């Protein structure tokens, strides 16, 4: 039998009741209102875009649907000597929480994009978007609740949207913020994550453990599905802003201090000698860029938010960004 709880006539009849029945019936009315609102909300990719905080037209389907890209929900790690597949030039994402360090090979994250992990009693999510070139890590705790994340199959600003399995809310990976659903507006706590060669990470964290291939029987981790994409100077999906003076996939180290954004582009840093000693909002930023490995090495003061990304993504999310040692007039967002 069909449920009638959202029937307006039933909700209206609920008002004709005794005082003792009123609390339960008020709850029923609230449920009716919420159900009607959810039914009217736009839908995309199997998600209800309730409480949406961004332009719905910029949310698009990116290929595989919900969970079409499988997150790693039970990661396994080995000590460094056992990680025989890891070369010193292998690119990894390195994360340290407390006294524990772990390396997540980028090639594995290209296929899975999300690792739901825990360092003792500290639940974390390590994420990587191969379209935007963004490695980001967050605490999975929100208002005392532990969330588990998956890949939604949707994109916003050419960057993938995560979803949490507890409420089906959609989260911008770049922003670390829920943009639709019951948790819309909530923000995840950022954790410092480095993208560098395994050799550099091992020097930094000699006792690191290494992520084991999550699905070796079905995934060819030896190859990258994005090798052609890196070379294409194209933006495939809608973005809020763009600046076509630079290659869309050029690697950028971006910083934000007090709402002020500044981008350090690999090509400009190389032209200026390969290293930078700068100040943003009164905070010191030091970095090097290696053309041999295509990676940044950076040190910043507390209060500086660091994001590594492709130029297309940094510009999309920071339309008014400054560019360190930019020698030409900034192109206007299109």
Protein backbone atom coordinates (compact mmCIF):
# COMPACT_ATOMS: atom_id res chain seq x y z
CA UNK A 1 0.00 0.00 0.00
CA UNK A 2 1.31 3.47 -0.87
CA UNK A 3 2.36 5.74 1.98
CA UNK A 4 0.15 8.79 2.56
CA UNK A 5 2.26 10.77 5.01
CA UNK A 6 3.02 13.51 2.48
CA UNK A 7 -0.65 13.89 1.41
CA UNK A 8 -1.58 17.57 2.08
CA UNK A 9 -5.20 16.67 2.87
CA UNK A 10 -4.06 14.23 5.54
CA UNK A 11 -1.75 16.88 7.01
CA UNK A 12 -4.64 19.36 7.11
CA UNK A 13 -6.94 16.87 8.85
CA UNK A 14 -4.23 16.40 11.49
CA UNK A 15 -5.06 19.83 12.92
CA UNK A 16 -8.43 18.54 14.14
CA UNK A 17 -7.11 16.72 17.22
CA UNK A 18 -6.93 16.80 20.99
CA UNK A 19 -4.17 18.79 22.80
CA UNK A 20 -2.42 15.57 23.83
CA UNK A 21 -2.09 14.56 20.19
CA UNK A 22 -0.68 17.89 19.06
CA UNK A 23 3.11 17.20 19.53
CA UNK A 24 3.01 14.05 17.43
CA UNK A 25 0.92 15.76 14.79
CA UNK A 26 3.20 18.78 14.65
CA UNK A 27 6.02 16.34 13.92
CA UNK A 28 3.87 14.83 11.17
CA UNK A 29 3.30 18.25 9.64
CA UNK A 30 7.03 18.94 9.70
CA UNK A 31 7.68 15.62 7.98
CA UNK A 32 5.09 16.48 5.34
CA UNK A 33 6.73 19.81 4.65
CA UNK A 34 10.19 18.27 4.39
CA UNK A 35 8.93 15.48 2.15
CA UNK A 36 7.26 17.98 -0.16
CA UNK A 37 10.42 20.09 -0.31
CA UNK A 38 12.58 17.04 -1.10
CA UNK A 39 10.16 15.99 -3.84
CA UNK A 40 10.44 19.43 -5.44
CA UNK A 41 14.25 19.62 -5.22
CA UNK A 42 16.22 19.12 -8.44
CA UNK A 43 17.81 15.72 -8.93
CA UNK A 44 21.09 14.82 -10.56
CA UNK A 45 22.91 11.51 -10.78
CA UNK A 46 20.63 9.94 -8.20
CA UNK A 47 21.19 12.73 -5.66
CA UNK A 48 18.64 15.22 -4.40
CA UNK A 49 20.09 18.73 -4.62
CA UNK A 50 18.37 20.01 -1.48
CA UNK A 51 19.90 22.98 0.35
CA UNK A 52 22.10 23.60 -2.68
CA UNK A 53 24.76 26.29 -2.14
CA UNK A 54 26.19 26.51 -5.68
CA UNK A 55 24.87 27.06 -9.19
CA UNK A 56 23.08 23.85 -10.17
CA UNK A 57 24.03 24.35 -13.83
CA UNK A 58 27.69 23.80 -12.91
CA UNK A 59 27.00 20.34 -11.46
CA UNK A 60 27.35 17.81 -14.26
CA UNK A 61 27.64 14.07 -14.64
CA UNK A 62 31.24 13.05 -15.25
CA UNK A 63 30.98 9.54 -16.67
CA UNK A 64 30.73 6.66 -14.18
CA UNK A 65 27.73 7.09 -11.91
CA UNK A 66 27.48 6.82 -8.15
CA UNK A 67 30.14 4.39 -6.87
CA UNK A 68 31.18 3.69 -10.46
CA UNK A 69 34.65 4.55 -9.18
CA UNK A 70 35.19 2.42 -6.09
CA UNK A 71 36.52 4.08 -2.96
CA UNK A 72 38.94 2.14 -0.77
CA UNK A 73 37.07 1.48 2.46
CA UNK A 74 39.30 -1.12 4.11
CA UNK A 75 42.86 -0.06 3.22
CA UNK A 76 45.81 -2.28 4.05
CA UNK A 77 49.38 -1.11 4.57
CA UNK A 78 52.82 -2.72 4.72
CA UNK A 79 56.17 -1.60 6.04
CA UNK A 80 58.47 0.03 3.53
CA UNK A 81 60.72 -3.04 2.91
CA UNK A 82 57.65 -5.07 1.92
CA UNK A 83 56.44 -2.50 -0.62
CA UNK A 84 58.48 -3.98 -3.46
CA UNK A 85 56.36 -2.19 -6.08
CA UNK A 86 57.39 1.23 -4.76
CA UNK A 87 60.29 2.90 -6.55
CA UNK A 88 62.01 5.99 -5.19
CA UNK A 89 60.60 8.00 -8.11
CA UNK A 90 57.04 6.73 -7.59
CA UNK A 91 54.75 9.66 -6.86
CA UNK A 92 52.91 9.37 -3.56
CA UNK A 93 50.61 11.32 -1.29
CA UNK A 94 52.15 11.50 2.15
CA UNK A 95 50.16 11.99 5.35
CA UNK A 96 51.28 12.08 8.96
CA UNK A 97 48.81 12.01 11.84
CA UNK A 98 50.29 11.93 15.31
CA UNK A 99 53.34 9.65 15.18
CA UNK A 100 52.12 7.60 12.20
CA UNK A 101 52.98 8.25 8.54
CA UNK A 102 51.51 6.63 5.44
CA UNK A 103 52.19 6.82 1.72
CA UNK A 104 49.38 6.49 -0.84
CA UNK A 105 50.74 5.97 -4.37
CA UNK A 106 49.12 8.45 -6.74
CA UNK A 107 48.61 5.77 -9.38
CA UNK A 108 46.31 3.87 -6.99
CA UNK A 109 44.38 7.05 -6.18
CA UNK A 110 43.88 7.73 -9.89
CA UNK A 111 41.73 4.60 -9.98
CA UNK A 112 39.95 4.97 -6.62
CA UNK A 113 40.06 8.72 -5.79
CA UNK A 114 39.08 8.14 -2.15
CA UNK A 115 40.65 6.17 0.71
CA UNK A 116 38.61 6.02 3.91
CA UNK A 117 41.32 5.47 6.50
CA UNK A 118 41.91 5.79 10.24
CA UNK A 119 45.01 6.62 12.24
CA UNK A 120 44.11 5.00 15.55
CA UNK A 121 40.92 6.74 16.65
CA UNK A 122 41.33 9.53 14.08
CA UNK A 123 39.24 8.78 10.96
CA UNK A 124 40.55 10.48 7.81
CA UNK A 125 39.78 10.57 4.11
CA UNK A 126 42.60 10.85 1.58
CA UNK A 127 41.36 12.00 -1.81
CA UNK A 128 42.79 12.71 -5.24
CA UNK A 129 41.05 14.13 -8.29
CA UNK A 130 42.88 13.24 -11.52
CA UNK A 131 40.79 15.77 -13.48
CA UNK A 132 41.71 18.71 -11.23
CA UNK A 133 45.08 17.39 -10.02
CA UNK A 134 44.07 17.97 -6.40
CA UNK A 135 45.38 15.79 -3.53
CA UNK A 136 43.48 16.64 -0.33
CA UNK A 137 43.05 14.99 3.05
CA UNK A 138 40.43 15.68 5.71
CA UNK A 139 39.20 14.45 9.04
CA UNK A 140 36.03 12.36 8.60
CA UNK A 141 34.58 13.68 11.87
CA UNK A 142 31.72 16.18 11.52
CA UNK A 143 29.92 17.32 14.67
CA UNK A 144 31.14 14.24 16.49
CA UNK A 145 29.92 11.87 13.77
CA UNK A 146 32.22 9.77 11.59
CA UNK A 147 31.40 9.88 7.89
CA UNK A 148 32.37 7.46 5.13
CA UNK A 149 32.87 8.89 1.67
CA UNK A 150 32.30 7.62 -1.84
CA UNK A 151 32.64 8.96 -5.40
CA UNK A 152 29.33 10.46 -6.57
CA UNK A 153 29.98 10.49 -10.32
CA UNK A 154 29.16 14.22 -10.35
CA UNK A 155 31.49 17.17 -10.95
CA UNK A 156 31.38 20.80 -9.87
CA UNK A 157 33.84 23.27 -11.41
CA UNK A 158 35.55 20.33 -13.17
CA UNK A 159 36.28 18.76 -9.77
CA UNK A 160 34.70 15.60 -8.43
CA UNK A 161 32.00 15.61 -5.78
CA UNK A 162 32.28 13.19 -2.92
CA UNK A 163 29.21 11.97 -1.04
CA UNK A 164 28.88 10.65 2.48
CA UNK A 165 27.11 7.33 2.89
CA UNK A 166 25.44 8.39 6.13
CA UNK A 167 23.31 11.26 4.73
CA UNK A 168 23.91 11.20 0.94
CA UNK A 169 25.11 14.81 1.11
CA UNK A 170 27.36 16.00 -1.73
CA UNK A 171 30.79 17.44 -0.87
CA UNK A 172 33.15 19.49 -3.03
CA UNK A 173 36.54 17.79 -2.84
CA UNK A 174 38.35 21.07 -3.57
CA UNK A 175 36.45 23.06 -0.95
CA UNK A 176 36.04 20.28 1.62
CA UNK A 177 32.51 21.54 2.09
CA UNK A 178 29.07 20.00 1.66
CA UNK A 179 27.20 21.81 -1.13
CA UNK A 180 23.92 19.87 -1.11
CA UNK A 181 21.96 17.53 1.13
CA UNK A 182 21.28 17.37 4.87
CA UNK A 183 24.85 18.43 5.77
CA UNK A 184 24.99 21.30 3.27
CA UNK A 185 27.26 24.05 4.55
CA UNK A 186 29.30 21.80 6.85
CA UNK A 187 33.07 21.91 6.35
CA UNK A 188 35.68 19.19 6.80
CA UNK A 189 38.90 19.84 8.73
CA UNK A 190 41.85 19.97 6.33
CA UNK A 191 44.95 17.86 7.06
CA UNK A 192 48.40 18.67 5.60
CA UNK A 193 49.01 16.33 2.67
CA UNK A 194 52.10 16.27 0.47
CA UNK A 195 52.46 15.10 -3.12
CA UNK A 196 56.05 14.12 -3.86
CA UNK A 197 58.26 11.22 -4.89
CA UNK A 198 58.50 8.24 -2.57
CA UNK A 199 62.20 9.04 -2.14
CA UNK A 200 61.42 12.53 -0.86
CA UNK A 201 58.65 11.26 1.42
CA UNK A 202 60.86 8.53 2.88
CA UNK A 203 63.51 11.14 3.76
CA UNK A 204 60.79 13.10 5.52
CA UNK A 205 59.11 10.09 7.18
CA UNK A 206 61.46 7.11 7.29
CA UNK A 207 59.00 4.91 9.21
CA UNK A 208 56.20 5.35 6.70
CA UNK A 209 53.85 2.52 5.79
CA UNK A 210 52.65 2.07 2.21
CA UNK A 211 49.18 1.42 0.84
CA UNK A 212 48.76 -2.05 -0.66
CA UNK A 213 47.12 -2.40 -4.10
CA UNK A 214 43.41 -2.39 -3.19
CA UNK A 215 42.13 -4.47 -6.13
CA UNK A 216 45.03 -6.01 -8.07
CA UNK A 217 42.87 -8.63 -9.77
CA UNK A 218 40.73 -6.06 -11.58
CA UNK A 219 42.78 -2.86 -11.79
CA UNK A 220 45.96 -2.45 -13.94
CA UNK A 221 47.81 -0.16 -11.52
CA UNK A 222 50.96 -0.30 -13.66
CA UNK A 223 49.40 2.11 -16.19
CA UNK A 224 47.66 5.47 -15.82
CA UNK A 225 44.28 6.07 -17.46
CA UNK A 226 45.06 9.80 -17.59
CA UNK A 227 48.38 9.93 -19.46
CA UNK A 228 46.75 11.48 -22.56
CA UNK A 229 44.58 13.83 -20.48
CA UNK A 230 47.63 15.46 -18.85
CA UNK A 231 48.87 16.64 -22.25
CA UNK A 232 45.60 18.14 -23.47
CA UNK A 233 45.30 21.89 -22.98
CA UNK A 234 41.54 21.56 -22.63
CA UNK A 235 38.91 22.06 -19.92
CA UNK A 236 36.28 19.38 -20.41
CA UNK A 237 33.54 20.55 -18.05
CA UNK A 238 31.98 23.88 -16.99
CA UNK A 239 34.10 26.09 -14.72
CA UNK A 240 33.43 29.42 -13.02
CA UNK A 241 36.55 31.12 -14.39
CA UNK A 242 39.47 30.38 -16.68
CA UNK A 243 42.74 31.93 -17.79
CA UNK A 244 44.02 30.42 -21.02
CA UNK A 245 47.46 32.09 -20.92
CA UNK A 246 48.70 28.99 -19.10
CA UNK A 247 48.30 25.30 -19.87
CA UNK A 248 45.14 23.98 -18.22
CA UNK A 249 47.05 21.09 -16.61
CA UNK A 250 50.04 23.11 -15.42
CA UNK A 251 50.81 22.23 -11.80
CA UNK A 252 50.20 25.00 -9.30
CA UNK A 253 50.93 25.35 -5.63
CA UNK A 254 48.23 27.64 -4.32
CA UNK A 255 48.04 29.26 -0.91
CA UNK A 256 45.28 31.09 0.92
CA UNK A 257 45.86 33.39 3.89
CA UNK A 258 42.97 35.34 5.37
CA UNK A 259 40.93 34.89 2.19
CA UNK A 260 43.76 36.08 -0.06
CA UNK A 261 44.76 33.55 -2.74
CA UNK A 262 48.11 33.39 -4.53
CA UNK A 263 49.24 30.88 -7.15
CA UNK A 264 52.79 29.70 -7.80
CA UNK A 265 52.89 28.17 -11.28
CA UNK A 266 55.56 25.61 -12.02
CA UNK A 267 56.63 27.34 -15.25
CA UNK A 268 57.05 30.74 -13.59
CA UNK A 269 58.87 29.33 -10.57
CA UNK A 270 61.24 27.51 -12.96
CA UNK A 271 61.84 30.71 -14.95
CA UNK A 272 62.65 32.54 -11.71
CA UNK A 273 65.27 29.99 -10.62
CA UNK A 274 63.23 27.13 -9.20
CA UNK A 275 62.69 28.38 -5.65
CA UNK A 276 60.60 30.99 -3.86
CA UNK A 277 60.81 32.80 -0.52
CA UNK A 278 57.66 34.88 -0.27
CA UNK A 279 55.16 36.37 2.17
CA UNK A 280 51.37 36.26 1.83
CA UNK A 281 49.24 38.12 4.33
CA UNK A 282 52.28 38.44 6.58
CA UNK A 283 52.94 34.66 6.49
CA UNK A 284 56.11 33.16 5.05
CA UNK A 285 55.88 30.77 2.11
CA UNK A 286 58.97 28.85 0.94
CA UNK A 287 58.92 26.42 -1.95
CA UNK A 288 60.91 24.69 -4.64
CA UNK A 289 59.70 23.24 -7.90
CA UNK A 290 61.51 20.35 -9.61
CA UNK A 291 61.19 20.00 -13.36
CA UNK A 292 62.71 16.51 -13.07
CA UNK A 293 59.91 15.15 -10.87
CA UNK A 294 57.19 17.72 -11.56
CA UNK A 295 56.61 18.21 -7.83
CA UNK A 296 56.69 21.02 -5.29
CA UNK A 297 58.52 20.95 -1.96
CA UNK A 298 57.11 23.55 0.42
CA UNK A 299 57.26 24.90 3.95
CA UNK A 300 54.73 27.43 5.27
CA UNK A 301 53.88 29.08 8.53
CA UNK A 302 50.82 28.09 10.54
CA UNK A 303 47.68 29.67 9.14
CA UNK A 304 48.61 29.12 5.47
CA UNK A 305 46.31 26.77 3.58
CA UNK A 306 48.18 24.92 0.83
CA UNK A 307 46.55 23.28 -2.19
CA UNK A 308 48.30 21.62 -5.10
CA UNK A 309 46.18 21.59 -8.25
CA UNK A 310 46.12 21.97 -11.99
CA UNK A 311 45.85 25.59 -13.08
CA UNK A 312 42.33 25.01 -14.43
CA UNK A 313 41.06 24.01 -10.99
CA UNK A 314 42.87 26.66 -8.96
CA UNK A 315 41.56 29.42 -11.25
CA UNK A 316 38.04 27.94 -11.25
CA UNK A 317 37.79 28.01 -7.47
CA UNK A 318 39.83 31.20 -6.99
CA UNK A 319 38.78 33.52 -9.86
CA UNK A 320 40.52 36.52 -8.27
CA UNK A 321 43.77 34.74 -7.45
CA UNK A 322 47.07 36.57 -7.59
CA UNK A 323 49.82 34.96 -9.64
CA UNK A 324 53.32 35.15 -8.20
CA UNK A 325 55.59 37.13 -10.56
CA UNK A 326 52.90 37.37 -13.22
CA UNK A 327 54.36 39.59 -15.95
CA UNK A 328 51.21 40.15 -17.98
CA UNK A 329 47.80 41.61 -17.29
CA UNK A 330 45.53 38.96 -15.77
CA UNK A 331 42.94 37.65 -18.17
CA UNK A 332 39.38 38.32 -17.10
CA UNK A 333 37.24 35.28 -16.10
CA UNK A 334 35.03 34.11 -18.90
